N, C-alpha and C. Protein backbone atom coordinates (compact mmCIF):
# COMPACT_ATOMS: atom_id res chain seq x y z
N MET A 1 -2.14 -79.67 5.40
CA MET A 1 -2.56 -79.11 4.15
C MET A 1 -3.39 -77.85 4.36
N LYS A 2 -4.22 -77.88 5.42
CA LYS A 2 -5.04 -76.71 5.71
C LYS A 2 -4.17 -75.52 6.06
N LYS A 3 -3.05 -75.78 6.75
CA LYS A 3 -2.17 -74.68 7.13
C LYS A 3 -1.52 -74.06 5.90
N VAL A 4 -1.11 -74.89 4.94
CA VAL A 4 -0.48 -74.39 3.72
C VAL A 4 -1.50 -73.59 2.92
N LEU A 5 -2.74 -74.09 2.82
CA LEU A 5 -3.78 -73.38 2.10
C LEU A 5 -4.09 -72.05 2.76
N LEU A 6 -4.09 -72.03 4.07
CA LEU A 6 -4.34 -70.79 4.82
C LEU A 6 -3.22 -69.78 4.57
N LEU A 7 -1.97 -70.24 4.53
CA LEU A 7 -0.84 -69.34 4.26
C LEU A 7 -0.93 -68.79 2.83
N ILE A 8 -1.34 -69.61 1.88
CA ILE A 8 -1.47 -69.15 0.50
C ILE A 8 -2.56 -68.09 0.40
N LEU A 9 -3.69 -68.32 1.08
CA LEU A 9 -4.78 -67.35 1.06
C LEU A 9 -4.37 -66.03 1.70
N LEU A 10 -3.58 -66.09 2.75
CA LEU A 10 -3.10 -64.86 3.40
C LEU A 10 -2.07 -64.15 2.53
N PHE A 11 -1.27 -64.86 1.81
CA PHE A 11 -0.22 -64.28 1.00
C PHE A 11 -0.75 -63.65 -0.30
N MET A 12 -1.87 -64.18 -0.84
CA MET A 12 -2.42 -63.69 -2.11
C MET A 12 -2.80 -62.21 -2.06
N PRO A 13 -3.51 -61.72 -1.02
CA PRO A 13 -3.82 -60.29 -1.01
C PRO A 13 -2.57 -59.42 -0.99
N LEU A 14 -1.53 -59.86 -0.34
CA LEU A 14 -0.29 -59.09 -0.32
C LEU A 14 0.32 -59.01 -1.71
N CYS A 15 0.23 -60.11 -2.49
CA CYS A 15 0.73 -60.10 -3.87
C CYS A 15 -0.09 -59.16 -4.74
N ILE A 16 -1.42 -59.17 -4.55
CA ILE A 16 -2.28 -58.29 -5.33
C ILE A 16 -1.99 -56.84 -5.01
N LEU A 17 -1.85 -56.49 -3.71
CA LEU A 17 -1.53 -55.13 -3.30
C LEU A 17 -0.18 -54.70 -3.84
N SER A 18 0.78 -55.60 -3.79
CA SER A 18 2.12 -55.28 -4.26
C SER A 18 2.11 -54.99 -5.76
N SER A 19 1.35 -55.80 -6.54
CA SER A 19 1.33 -55.57 -7.98
C SER A 19 0.52 -54.31 -8.31
N ALA A 20 -0.50 -53.99 -7.51
CA ALA A 20 -1.29 -52.77 -7.74
C ALA A 20 -0.43 -51.53 -7.49
N GLU A 21 0.37 -51.57 -6.43
CA GLU A 21 1.22 -50.43 -6.12
C GLU A 21 2.28 -50.21 -7.20
N SER A 22 2.74 -51.23 -7.84
CA SER A 22 3.77 -51.06 -8.86
C SER A 22 3.20 -50.43 -10.12
N ASN A 23 1.86 -50.43 -10.32
CA ASN A 23 1.24 -49.82 -11.49
C ASN A 23 0.93 -48.34 -11.29
N VAL A 24 1.09 -47.81 -10.09
CA VAL A 24 0.80 -46.40 -9.83
C VAL A 24 1.99 -45.58 -10.32
N PRO A 25 1.72 -44.59 -11.21
CA PRO A 25 2.85 -43.78 -11.72
C PRO A 25 3.40 -42.88 -10.61
N GLU A 26 4.67 -42.63 -10.69
CA GLU A 26 5.29 -41.73 -9.71
C GLU A 26 4.88 -40.29 -10.02
N ALA A 27 4.78 -39.47 -8.95
CA ALA A 27 4.42 -38.06 -9.14
C ALA A 27 5.56 -37.34 -9.85
N VAL A 28 5.20 -36.57 -10.86
CA VAL A 28 6.21 -35.85 -11.62
C VAL A 28 5.85 -34.37 -11.62
N GLY A 29 6.86 -33.50 -11.59
CA GLY A 29 6.62 -32.06 -11.67
C GLY A 29 6.52 -31.42 -10.30
N THR A 30 6.46 -30.08 -10.32
CA THR A 30 6.37 -29.32 -9.08
C THR A 30 5.28 -28.25 -9.24
N VAL A 31 4.81 -27.79 -8.12
CA VAL A 31 3.82 -26.72 -8.12
C VAL A 31 4.52 -25.45 -7.67
N THR A 32 4.36 -24.35 -8.43
CA THR A 32 4.99 -23.08 -8.11
C THR A 32 3.91 -22.02 -7.93
N PHE A 33 3.99 -21.27 -6.86
CA PHE A 33 3.06 -20.18 -6.63
C PHE A 33 3.78 -18.87 -6.91
N TYR A 34 3.10 -17.94 -7.56
CA TYR A 34 3.70 -16.64 -7.83
C TYR A 34 2.60 -15.57 -7.85
N ALA A 35 3.02 -14.33 -7.63
CA ALA A 35 2.09 -13.20 -7.74
C ALA A 35 2.31 -12.54 -9.09
N GLU A 36 1.26 -11.88 -9.59
CA GLU A 36 1.42 -11.16 -10.83
C GLU A 36 2.43 -10.04 -10.64
N ASP A 37 3.08 -9.66 -11.71
CA ASP A 37 4.09 -8.60 -11.68
C ASP A 37 3.37 -7.25 -11.60
N ASN A 38 3.12 -6.79 -10.37
CA ASN A 38 2.42 -5.52 -10.22
C ASN A 38 2.77 -4.83 -8.91
N VAL A 39 2.26 -3.62 -8.76
CA VAL A 39 2.47 -2.82 -7.56
C VAL A 39 1.12 -2.31 -7.10
N LEU A 40 0.79 -2.53 -5.84
CA LEU A 40 -0.46 -2.06 -5.27
C LEU A 40 -0.16 -0.83 -4.42
N ILE A 41 -0.90 0.26 -4.64
CA ILE A 41 -0.70 1.48 -3.88
C ILE A 41 -2.05 2.02 -3.43
N GLY A 42 -2.04 2.81 -2.37
CA GLY A 42 -3.29 3.42 -1.93
C GLY A 42 -3.13 4.13 -0.60
N PHE A 43 -4.28 4.58 -0.09
CA PHE A 43 -4.35 5.22 1.22
C PHE A 43 -5.28 4.39 2.09
N SER A 44 -4.94 4.27 3.37
CA SER A 44 -5.76 3.46 4.26
C SER A 44 -5.91 4.14 5.62
N SER A 45 -6.87 3.67 6.38
CA SER A 45 -7.11 4.22 7.71
C SER A 45 -6.21 3.58 8.76
N ARG A 46 -5.52 2.50 8.39
CA ARG A 46 -4.61 1.81 9.31
C ARG A 46 -3.27 1.55 8.63
N ALA A 47 -2.24 1.42 9.43
CA ALA A 47 -0.91 1.13 8.89
C ALA A 47 -0.91 -0.23 8.20
N VAL A 48 -0.18 -0.34 7.10
CA VAL A 48 -0.06 -1.60 6.36
C VAL A 48 1.40 -2.02 6.46
N GLY A 49 1.68 -3.04 7.26
CA GLY A 49 3.05 -3.44 7.51
C GLY A 49 3.41 -4.80 6.97
N ASP A 50 2.71 -5.25 5.91
CA ASP A 50 3.01 -6.56 5.35
C ASP A 50 2.55 -6.60 3.89
N LEU A 51 2.59 -7.80 3.31
CA LEU A 51 2.21 -7.96 1.90
C LEU A 51 0.85 -8.62 1.74
N PHE A 52 0.12 -8.80 2.84
CA PHE A 52 -1.21 -9.39 2.76
C PHE A 52 -2.19 -8.39 2.16
N PRO A 53 -3.28 -8.86 1.56
CA PRO A 53 -4.27 -7.93 1.00
C PRO A 53 -4.79 -6.98 2.09
N VAL A 54 -4.95 -5.72 1.74
CA VAL A 54 -5.46 -4.73 2.67
C VAL A 54 -6.97 -4.87 2.75
N ALA A 55 -7.51 -4.91 3.96
CA ALA A 55 -8.95 -5.04 4.14
C ALA A 55 -9.67 -3.89 3.46
N SER A 56 -10.69 -4.20 2.66
CA SER A 56 -11.37 -3.18 1.87
C SER A 56 -12.00 -2.10 2.73
N ASP A 57 -12.41 -2.42 3.96
CA ASP A 57 -13.00 -1.39 4.80
C ASP A 57 -11.96 -0.45 5.41
N ASN A 58 -10.66 -0.74 5.21
CA ASN A 58 -9.59 0.15 5.66
C ASN A 58 -9.06 1.05 4.54
N ILE A 59 -9.44 0.75 3.29
CA ILE A 59 -8.93 1.49 2.14
C ILE A 59 -9.79 2.73 1.88
N TYR A 60 -9.13 3.87 1.68
CA TYR A 60 -9.84 5.07 1.24
C TYR A 60 -10.03 4.97 -0.26
N GLN A 61 -11.27 4.91 -0.69
CA GLN A 61 -11.59 4.82 -2.11
C GLN A 61 -11.38 6.19 -2.77
N GLU A 62 -11.26 6.20 -4.08
CA GLU A 62 -11.10 7.46 -4.82
C GLU A 62 -12.27 8.39 -4.48
N GLY A 63 -11.94 9.64 -4.18
CA GLY A 63 -12.96 10.63 -3.83
C GLY A 63 -13.28 10.71 -2.35
N ALA A 64 -12.63 9.88 -1.54
CA ALA A 64 -12.87 9.93 -0.09
C ALA A 64 -12.44 11.30 0.45
N GLU A 65 -13.15 11.79 1.46
CA GLU A 65 -12.85 13.10 2.02
C GLU A 65 -12.48 12.98 3.49
N LEU A 66 -11.51 13.78 3.91
CA LEU A 66 -11.12 13.89 5.32
C LEU A 66 -11.31 15.34 5.72
N ASN A 67 -11.88 15.57 6.87
CA ASN A 67 -12.13 16.93 7.34
C ASN A 67 -11.05 17.40 8.31
N PHE A 68 -10.76 18.70 8.27
CA PHE A 68 -9.82 19.31 9.20
C PHE A 68 -10.54 19.62 10.51
N THR A 69 -9.83 19.46 11.62
CA THR A 69 -10.34 19.91 12.91
C THR A 69 -9.23 20.72 13.58
N TYR A 70 -9.62 21.57 14.49
CA TYR A 70 -8.64 22.43 15.16
C TYR A 70 -7.92 21.66 16.26
N ASP A 71 -6.59 21.75 16.26
CA ASP A 71 -5.76 21.11 17.28
C ASP A 71 -5.16 22.19 18.17
N VAL A 72 -5.56 22.21 19.43
CA VAL A 72 -5.14 23.26 20.37
C VAL A 72 -3.63 23.23 20.59
N THR A 73 -3.06 22.04 20.71
CA THR A 73 -1.63 21.90 21.01
C THR A 73 -0.75 22.53 19.94
N SER A 74 -1.04 22.25 18.68
CA SER A 74 -0.20 22.76 17.58
C SER A 74 -0.72 24.09 17.03
N ARG A 75 -1.86 24.55 17.52
CA ARG A 75 -2.51 25.78 17.02
C ARG A 75 -2.64 25.74 15.50
N SER A 76 -3.21 24.64 15.03
CA SER A 76 -3.40 24.47 13.59
C SER A 76 -4.62 23.60 13.32
N PHE A 77 -5.10 23.67 12.08
CA PHE A 77 -6.16 22.79 11.63
C PHE A 77 -5.49 21.55 11.04
N MET A 78 -5.95 20.37 11.45
CA MET A 78 -5.31 19.13 11.02
C MET A 78 -6.34 18.11 10.57
N THR A 79 -5.93 17.26 9.61
CA THR A 79 -6.75 16.10 9.24
C THR A 79 -6.42 14.98 10.22
N PRO A 80 -7.28 13.98 10.31
CA PRO A 80 -6.90 12.78 11.06
C PRO A 80 -5.70 12.12 10.36
N THR A 81 -4.96 11.33 11.09
CA THR A 81 -3.84 10.59 10.49
C THR A 81 -4.38 9.50 9.57
N PHE A 82 -3.80 9.39 8.39
CA PHE A 82 -4.09 8.29 7.49
C PHE A 82 -2.76 7.76 6.99
N TYR A 83 -2.76 6.72 6.18
CA TYR A 83 -1.53 6.03 5.81
C TYR A 83 -1.47 5.80 4.30
N TYR A 84 -0.27 5.96 3.74
CA TYR A 84 -0.07 5.51 2.36
C TYR A 84 0.54 4.11 2.46
N TYR A 85 0.30 3.29 1.44
CA TYR A 85 0.94 1.97 1.41
C TYR A 85 1.34 1.64 -0.02
N VAL A 86 2.43 0.89 -0.13
CA VAL A 86 2.94 0.41 -1.41
C VAL A 86 3.32 -1.05 -1.20
N GLN A 87 2.76 -1.93 -2.04
CA GLN A 87 3.10 -3.35 -1.99
C GLN A 87 3.60 -3.73 -3.38
N ALA A 88 4.89 -4.01 -3.48
CA ALA A 88 5.52 -4.26 -4.79
C ALA A 88 5.78 -5.75 -4.99
N PHE A 89 5.23 -6.30 -6.07
CA PHE A 89 5.44 -7.69 -6.44
C PHE A 89 6.09 -7.74 -7.82
N THR A 90 7.16 -7.00 -7.97
CA THR A 90 7.87 -6.95 -9.25
C THR A 90 9.36 -7.03 -8.97
N SER A 91 10.10 -7.60 -9.91
CA SER A 91 11.55 -7.68 -9.74
C SER A 91 12.25 -6.38 -10.13
N SER A 92 11.52 -5.48 -10.79
CA SER A 92 12.09 -4.20 -11.21
C SER A 92 12.06 -3.18 -10.07
N ALA A 93 13.01 -2.27 -10.10
CA ALA A 93 13.03 -1.16 -9.13
C ALA A 93 11.90 -0.20 -9.47
N ILE A 94 11.33 0.43 -8.44
CA ILE A 94 10.22 1.35 -8.65
C ILE A 94 10.48 2.68 -7.94
N GLU A 95 9.71 3.68 -8.37
CA GLU A 95 9.68 4.97 -7.69
C GLU A 95 8.21 5.34 -7.52
N VAL A 96 7.84 5.77 -6.33
CA VAL A 96 6.46 6.17 -6.06
C VAL A 96 6.47 7.62 -5.61
N ASN A 97 5.75 8.47 -6.34
CA ASN A 97 5.68 9.89 -6.02
C ASN A 97 4.27 10.27 -5.59
N LEU A 98 4.19 11.22 -4.67
CA LEU A 98 2.93 11.76 -4.19
C LEU A 98 2.88 13.23 -4.59
N SER A 99 1.86 13.61 -5.37
CA SER A 99 1.72 15.01 -5.77
C SER A 99 0.52 15.60 -5.07
N PHE A 100 0.58 16.91 -4.78
CA PHE A 100 -0.50 17.59 -4.07
C PHE A 100 -0.42 19.08 -4.36
N TYR A 101 -1.55 19.76 -4.23
CA TYR A 101 -1.68 21.20 -4.49
C TYR A 101 -2.22 21.87 -3.25
N SER A 102 -1.97 23.18 -3.14
CA SER A 102 -2.56 23.94 -2.04
C SER A 102 -4.07 23.77 -2.05
N LEU A 103 -4.69 23.92 -0.88
CA LEU A 103 -6.14 23.80 -0.76
C LEU A 103 -6.82 24.87 -1.61
N ASN A 104 -7.75 24.45 -2.43
CA ASN A 104 -8.48 25.38 -3.29
C ASN A 104 -9.82 25.73 -2.64
N GLY A 105 -10.09 27.03 -2.52
CA GLY A 105 -11.35 27.47 -1.93
C GLY A 105 -12.53 27.12 -2.82
N VAL A 106 -13.61 26.65 -2.19
CA VAL A 106 -14.83 26.28 -2.91
C VAL A 106 -15.99 27.01 -2.24
N SER A 107 -16.79 27.74 -3.02
CA SER A 107 -17.91 28.49 -2.45
C SER A 107 -19.05 27.55 -2.08
N SER A 108 -20.06 28.07 -1.39
CA SER A 108 -21.16 27.23 -0.90
C SER A 108 -21.95 26.57 -2.03
N ASP A 109 -21.92 27.14 -3.24
CA ASP A 109 -22.63 26.52 -4.37
C ASP A 109 -21.76 25.50 -5.11
N GLY A 110 -20.53 25.24 -4.60
CA GLY A 110 -19.65 24.22 -5.19
C GLY A 110 -18.72 24.73 -6.26
N THR A 111 -18.69 26.05 -6.47
CA THR A 111 -17.83 26.63 -7.49
C THR A 111 -16.42 26.87 -6.93
N ALA A 112 -15.41 26.43 -7.67
CA ALA A 112 -14.02 26.66 -7.26
C ALA A 112 -13.69 28.15 -7.37
N THR A 113 -12.95 28.67 -6.41
CA THR A 113 -12.56 30.07 -6.42
C THR A 113 -11.08 30.18 -6.77
N THR A 114 -10.57 31.38 -6.78
CA THR A 114 -9.13 31.59 -7.02
C THR A 114 -8.38 31.74 -5.71
N THR A 115 -9.03 31.40 -4.61
CA THR A 115 -8.40 31.46 -3.28
C THR A 115 -7.71 30.13 -2.99
N TYR A 116 -6.44 30.22 -2.64
CA TYR A 116 -5.68 29.02 -2.30
C TYR A 116 -5.12 29.16 -0.90
N LEU A 117 -5.04 28.04 -0.22
CA LEU A 117 -4.56 28.03 1.16
C LEU A 117 -3.43 27.00 1.27
N PRO A 118 -2.22 27.43 1.60
CA PRO A 118 -1.12 26.46 1.70
C PRO A 118 -1.27 25.59 2.95
N PHE A 119 -0.69 24.42 2.90
CA PHE A 119 -0.68 23.51 4.06
C PHE A 119 0.62 22.74 4.07
N ASP A 120 0.89 22.09 5.18
CA ASP A 120 2.05 21.21 5.30
C ASP A 120 1.56 19.77 5.28
N LEU A 121 2.19 18.96 4.45
CA LEU A 121 1.93 17.53 4.42
C LEU A 121 3.01 16.89 5.28
N VAL A 122 2.60 16.22 6.35
CA VAL A 122 3.56 15.65 7.31
C VAL A 122 3.53 14.14 7.20
N ILE A 123 4.70 13.55 6.92
CA ILE A 123 4.84 12.10 6.78
C ILE A 123 5.78 11.60 7.87
N SER A 124 5.36 10.57 8.59
CA SER A 124 6.21 10.01 9.65
C SER A 124 5.95 8.51 9.77
N GLU A 125 6.63 7.89 10.69
CA GLU A 125 6.50 6.45 10.95
C GLU A 125 6.63 5.63 9.66
N VAL A 126 7.63 5.97 8.85
CA VAL A 126 7.86 5.27 7.59
C VAL A 126 8.45 3.89 7.89
N THR A 127 7.84 2.85 7.32
CA THR A 127 8.30 1.48 7.55
C THR A 127 8.45 0.75 6.22
N SER A 128 9.26 -0.30 6.23
CA SER A 128 9.47 -1.11 5.04
C SER A 128 10.15 -2.42 5.42
N ASN A 129 10.02 -3.42 4.56
CA ASN A 129 10.80 -4.65 4.73
C ASN A 129 11.96 -4.68 3.75
N SER A 130 12.25 -3.53 3.12
CA SER A 130 13.34 -3.42 2.16
C SER A 130 14.42 -2.51 2.72
N SER A 131 15.65 -2.79 2.39
CA SER A 131 16.76 -1.94 2.85
C SER A 131 17.04 -0.83 1.85
N ASP A 132 16.22 -0.75 0.78
CA ASP A 132 16.45 0.27 -0.24
C ASP A 132 16.04 1.64 0.27
N ASN A 133 16.31 2.66 -0.51
CA ASN A 133 16.13 4.06 -0.12
C ASN A 133 14.67 4.44 0.11
N ILE A 134 14.39 5.02 1.28
CA ILE A 134 13.08 5.59 1.57
C ILE A 134 13.35 7.02 2.02
N SER A 135 12.76 7.99 1.32
CA SER A 135 13.15 9.37 1.61
C SER A 135 11.99 10.26 2.03
N ALA A 136 10.87 9.67 2.46
CA ALA A 136 9.66 10.47 2.63
C ALA A 136 9.43 11.00 4.03
N ASP A 137 10.25 10.69 5.00
CA ASP A 137 10.00 11.12 6.37
C ASP A 137 10.24 12.62 6.49
N GLY A 138 9.20 13.41 6.82
CA GLY A 138 9.39 14.85 6.97
C GLY A 138 8.12 15.64 6.70
N SER A 139 8.29 16.97 6.59
CA SER A 139 7.18 17.88 6.35
C SER A 139 7.40 18.58 5.01
N TYR A 140 6.34 18.66 4.20
CA TYR A 140 6.45 19.21 2.86
C TYR A 140 5.36 20.26 2.66
N SER A 141 5.74 21.41 2.11
CA SER A 141 4.79 22.51 1.93
C SER A 141 4.13 22.42 0.56
N SER A 142 2.84 22.74 0.53
CA SER A 142 2.09 22.73 -0.73
C SER A 142 2.30 24.05 -1.46
N SER A 143 1.95 24.05 -2.75
CA SER A 143 1.97 25.28 -3.54
C SER A 143 0.82 25.22 -4.54
N GLU A 144 0.43 26.39 -5.07
CA GLU A 144 -0.67 26.44 -6.05
C GLU A 144 -0.32 25.67 -7.31
N SER A 145 0.93 25.73 -7.71
CA SER A 145 1.33 25.07 -8.96
C SER A 145 1.60 23.58 -8.77
N GLY A 146 1.59 23.11 -7.54
CA GLY A 146 1.77 21.69 -7.27
C GLY A 146 3.09 21.39 -6.59
N SER A 147 3.07 20.43 -5.71
CA SER A 147 4.25 19.96 -5.00
C SER A 147 4.32 18.45 -5.14
N SER A 148 5.49 17.91 -4.92
CA SER A 148 5.66 16.47 -5.06
C SER A 148 6.69 15.98 -4.06
N VAL A 149 6.49 14.76 -3.58
CA VAL A 149 7.45 14.12 -2.69
C VAL A 149 7.61 12.68 -3.14
N THR A 150 8.84 12.18 -3.10
CA THR A 150 9.10 10.79 -3.44
C THR A 150 8.91 9.94 -2.19
N LEU A 151 7.91 9.07 -2.22
CA LEU A 151 7.63 8.19 -1.09
C LEU A 151 8.56 6.98 -1.09
N VAL A 152 8.81 6.44 -2.28
CA VAL A 152 9.68 5.27 -2.43
C VAL A 152 10.62 5.56 -3.58
N GLY A 153 11.91 5.40 -3.35
CA GLY A 153 12.90 5.59 -4.41
C GLY A 153 13.90 4.46 -4.39
N GLU A 154 13.57 3.35 -5.05
CA GLU A 154 14.48 2.21 -5.08
C GLU A 154 15.63 2.51 -6.05
N SER A 155 16.75 1.83 -5.84
CA SER A 155 17.94 2.04 -6.66
C SER A 155 17.65 1.71 -8.12
N ALA A 156 17.91 2.67 -9.00
CA ALA A 156 17.66 2.49 -10.43
C ALA A 156 18.39 1.26 -10.95
N GLY A 157 17.68 0.47 -11.74
CA GLY A 157 18.28 -0.74 -12.31
C GLY A 157 18.35 -1.90 -11.35
N GLY A 158 17.89 -1.71 -10.11
CA GLY A 158 17.93 -2.78 -9.12
C GLY A 158 17.02 -3.93 -9.52
N SER A 159 17.30 -5.10 -8.99
CA SER A 159 16.48 -6.27 -9.25
C SER A 159 16.13 -6.91 -7.92
N PHE A 160 14.86 -7.24 -7.73
CA PHE A 160 14.39 -7.75 -6.45
C PHE A 160 13.79 -9.14 -6.64
N SER A 161 14.10 -10.05 -5.72
CA SER A 161 13.60 -11.42 -5.83
C SER A 161 12.42 -11.68 -4.91
N THR A 162 12.09 -10.73 -4.03
CA THR A 162 10.96 -10.92 -3.12
C THR A 162 10.07 -9.68 -3.14
N GLY A 163 8.84 -9.87 -2.69
CA GLY A 163 7.92 -8.75 -2.56
C GLY A 163 8.39 -7.83 -1.44
N ARG A 164 8.00 -6.56 -1.54
CA ARG A 164 8.38 -5.63 -0.48
C ARG A 164 7.25 -4.64 -0.26
N HIS A 165 7.21 -4.10 0.95
CA HIS A 165 6.15 -3.16 1.29
C HIS A 165 6.74 -1.90 1.90
N TYR A 166 6.04 -0.78 1.69
CA TYR A 166 6.42 0.51 2.24
C TYR A 166 5.15 1.16 2.78
N SER A 167 5.27 1.89 3.87
CA SER A 167 4.11 2.56 4.44
C SER A 167 4.57 3.73 5.29
N GLY A 168 3.67 4.66 5.51
CA GLY A 168 3.97 5.80 6.38
C GLY A 168 2.68 6.50 6.78
N SER A 169 2.70 7.14 7.95
CA SER A 169 1.52 7.89 8.38
C SER A 169 1.58 9.29 7.79
N VAL A 170 0.41 9.86 7.51
CA VAL A 170 0.30 11.15 6.84
C VAL A 170 -0.79 11.97 7.53
N HIS A 171 -0.57 13.27 7.64
CA HIS A 171 -1.66 14.19 7.97
C HIS A 171 -1.35 15.55 7.34
N LEU A 172 -2.40 16.32 7.12
CA LEU A 172 -2.27 17.66 6.56
C LEU A 172 -2.49 18.66 7.68
N GLU A 173 -1.73 19.76 7.63
CA GLU A 173 -1.75 20.73 8.72
C GLU A 173 -1.75 22.15 8.17
N VAL A 174 -2.72 22.97 8.62
CA VAL A 174 -2.79 24.38 8.23
C VAL A 174 -2.65 25.22 9.50
N PRO A 175 -1.56 25.99 9.63
CA PRO A 175 -1.40 26.84 10.82
C PRO A 175 -2.55 27.84 10.93
N VAL A 176 -3.00 28.11 12.15
CA VAL A 176 -4.15 28.99 12.35
C VAL A 176 -3.82 30.43 11.95
N ASP A 177 -2.54 30.81 11.99
CA ASP A 177 -2.18 32.19 11.68
C ASP A 177 -1.81 32.42 10.21
N VAL A 178 -2.13 31.46 9.34
CA VAL A 178 -1.82 31.62 7.93
C VAL A 178 -2.71 32.73 7.36
N ASP A 179 -2.13 33.54 6.47
CA ASP A 179 -2.87 34.65 5.87
C ASP A 179 -3.85 34.14 4.81
N GLY A 180 -4.97 34.84 4.69
CA GLY A 180 -5.88 34.59 3.58
C GLY A 180 -6.97 33.56 3.82
N ILE A 181 -7.19 33.14 5.06
CA ILE A 181 -8.26 32.17 5.31
C ILE A 181 -9.61 32.88 5.21
N ASP A 182 -10.45 32.43 4.32
CA ASP A 182 -11.81 32.93 4.19
C ASP A 182 -12.72 31.87 4.80
N ILE A 183 -13.28 32.16 5.96
CA ILE A 183 -14.06 31.13 6.67
C ILE A 183 -15.41 30.86 6.01
N GLU A 184 -15.76 31.61 4.99
CA GLU A 184 -17.00 31.38 4.26
C GLU A 184 -16.84 30.27 3.22
N LEU A 185 -15.60 29.86 2.96
CA LEU A 185 -15.32 28.88 1.93
C LEU A 185 -15.01 27.51 2.52
N SER A 186 -15.22 26.49 1.73
CA SER A 186 -14.69 25.16 2.01
C SER A 186 -13.38 25.07 1.23
N TYR A 187 -12.48 24.21 1.67
CA TYR A 187 -11.20 24.07 0.98
C TYR A 187 -10.96 22.60 0.65
N ARG A 188 -10.43 22.36 -0.55
CA ARG A 188 -10.20 20.98 -0.99
C ARG A 188 -8.88 20.88 -1.73
N THR A 189 -8.32 19.69 -1.65
CA THR A 189 -7.14 19.36 -2.46
C THR A 189 -7.22 17.89 -2.81
N VAL A 190 -6.38 17.46 -3.70
CA VAL A 190 -6.32 16.06 -4.11
C VAL A 190 -4.89 15.57 -3.93
N LEU A 191 -4.75 14.41 -3.32
CA LEU A 191 -3.45 13.75 -3.21
C LEU A 191 -3.43 12.64 -4.25
N LYS A 192 -2.35 12.58 -5.01
CA LYS A 192 -2.26 11.60 -6.09
C LYS A 192 -0.94 10.86 -6.03
N MET A 193 -1.01 9.53 -5.93
CA MET A 193 0.20 8.71 -5.94
C MET A 193 0.40 8.12 -7.34
N GLU A 194 1.66 8.10 -7.76
CA GLU A 194 1.99 7.55 -9.08
C GLU A 194 3.22 6.67 -8.95
N VAL A 195 3.18 5.51 -9.58
CA VAL A 195 4.30 4.57 -9.52
C VAL A 195 4.88 4.40 -10.91
N LYS A 196 6.21 4.31 -10.98
CA LYS A 196 6.87 4.07 -12.27
C LYS A 196 8.11 3.21 -12.06
N ALA A 197 8.51 2.51 -13.10
CA ALA A 197 9.72 1.69 -13.05
C ALA A 197 10.92 2.60 -13.24
N VAL A 198 12.01 2.30 -12.54
CA VAL A 198 13.24 3.09 -12.68
C VAL A 198 14.40 2.22 -13.11
């Protein structure tokens, strides 16, 4: 009798566990992760070759300045190399343009002059995880009225199911023998990237 009672006592917790498990509802539904429908663009001190957030200490904030130094090999004044980046999290095709103007002379008191200095904007090492059109590799000359280059030109009407990134190295170059350099002036220009749906 003791053996039967012992078996019943051992079996009871199993029955309680079994009935408790049958009262647990089954998991329903799925979890989906997504990024907002947007495009991140900017300039950075390092190449951006993925879709991860760009470290804030690598991003050139609005108003950042780069100085020209003389390069003996090319006999020109050059900025350090910096990088443009585009991270697209949208299913729509996009176009990203970079506009720039010739360097504008600025006097020592900060007043803009009517002296302009042309330069070459050189883009190289263009990378992407997309097979779509990238047309920015090359050298582009500035003008007083403004110049523009298409950094990213995806196929119009295209639809994309994954995020994609584009990047390229950039530097500005002023040949030493260019006419009209006034060494008493500082020179400035602004580079502006603009993105639009196509």
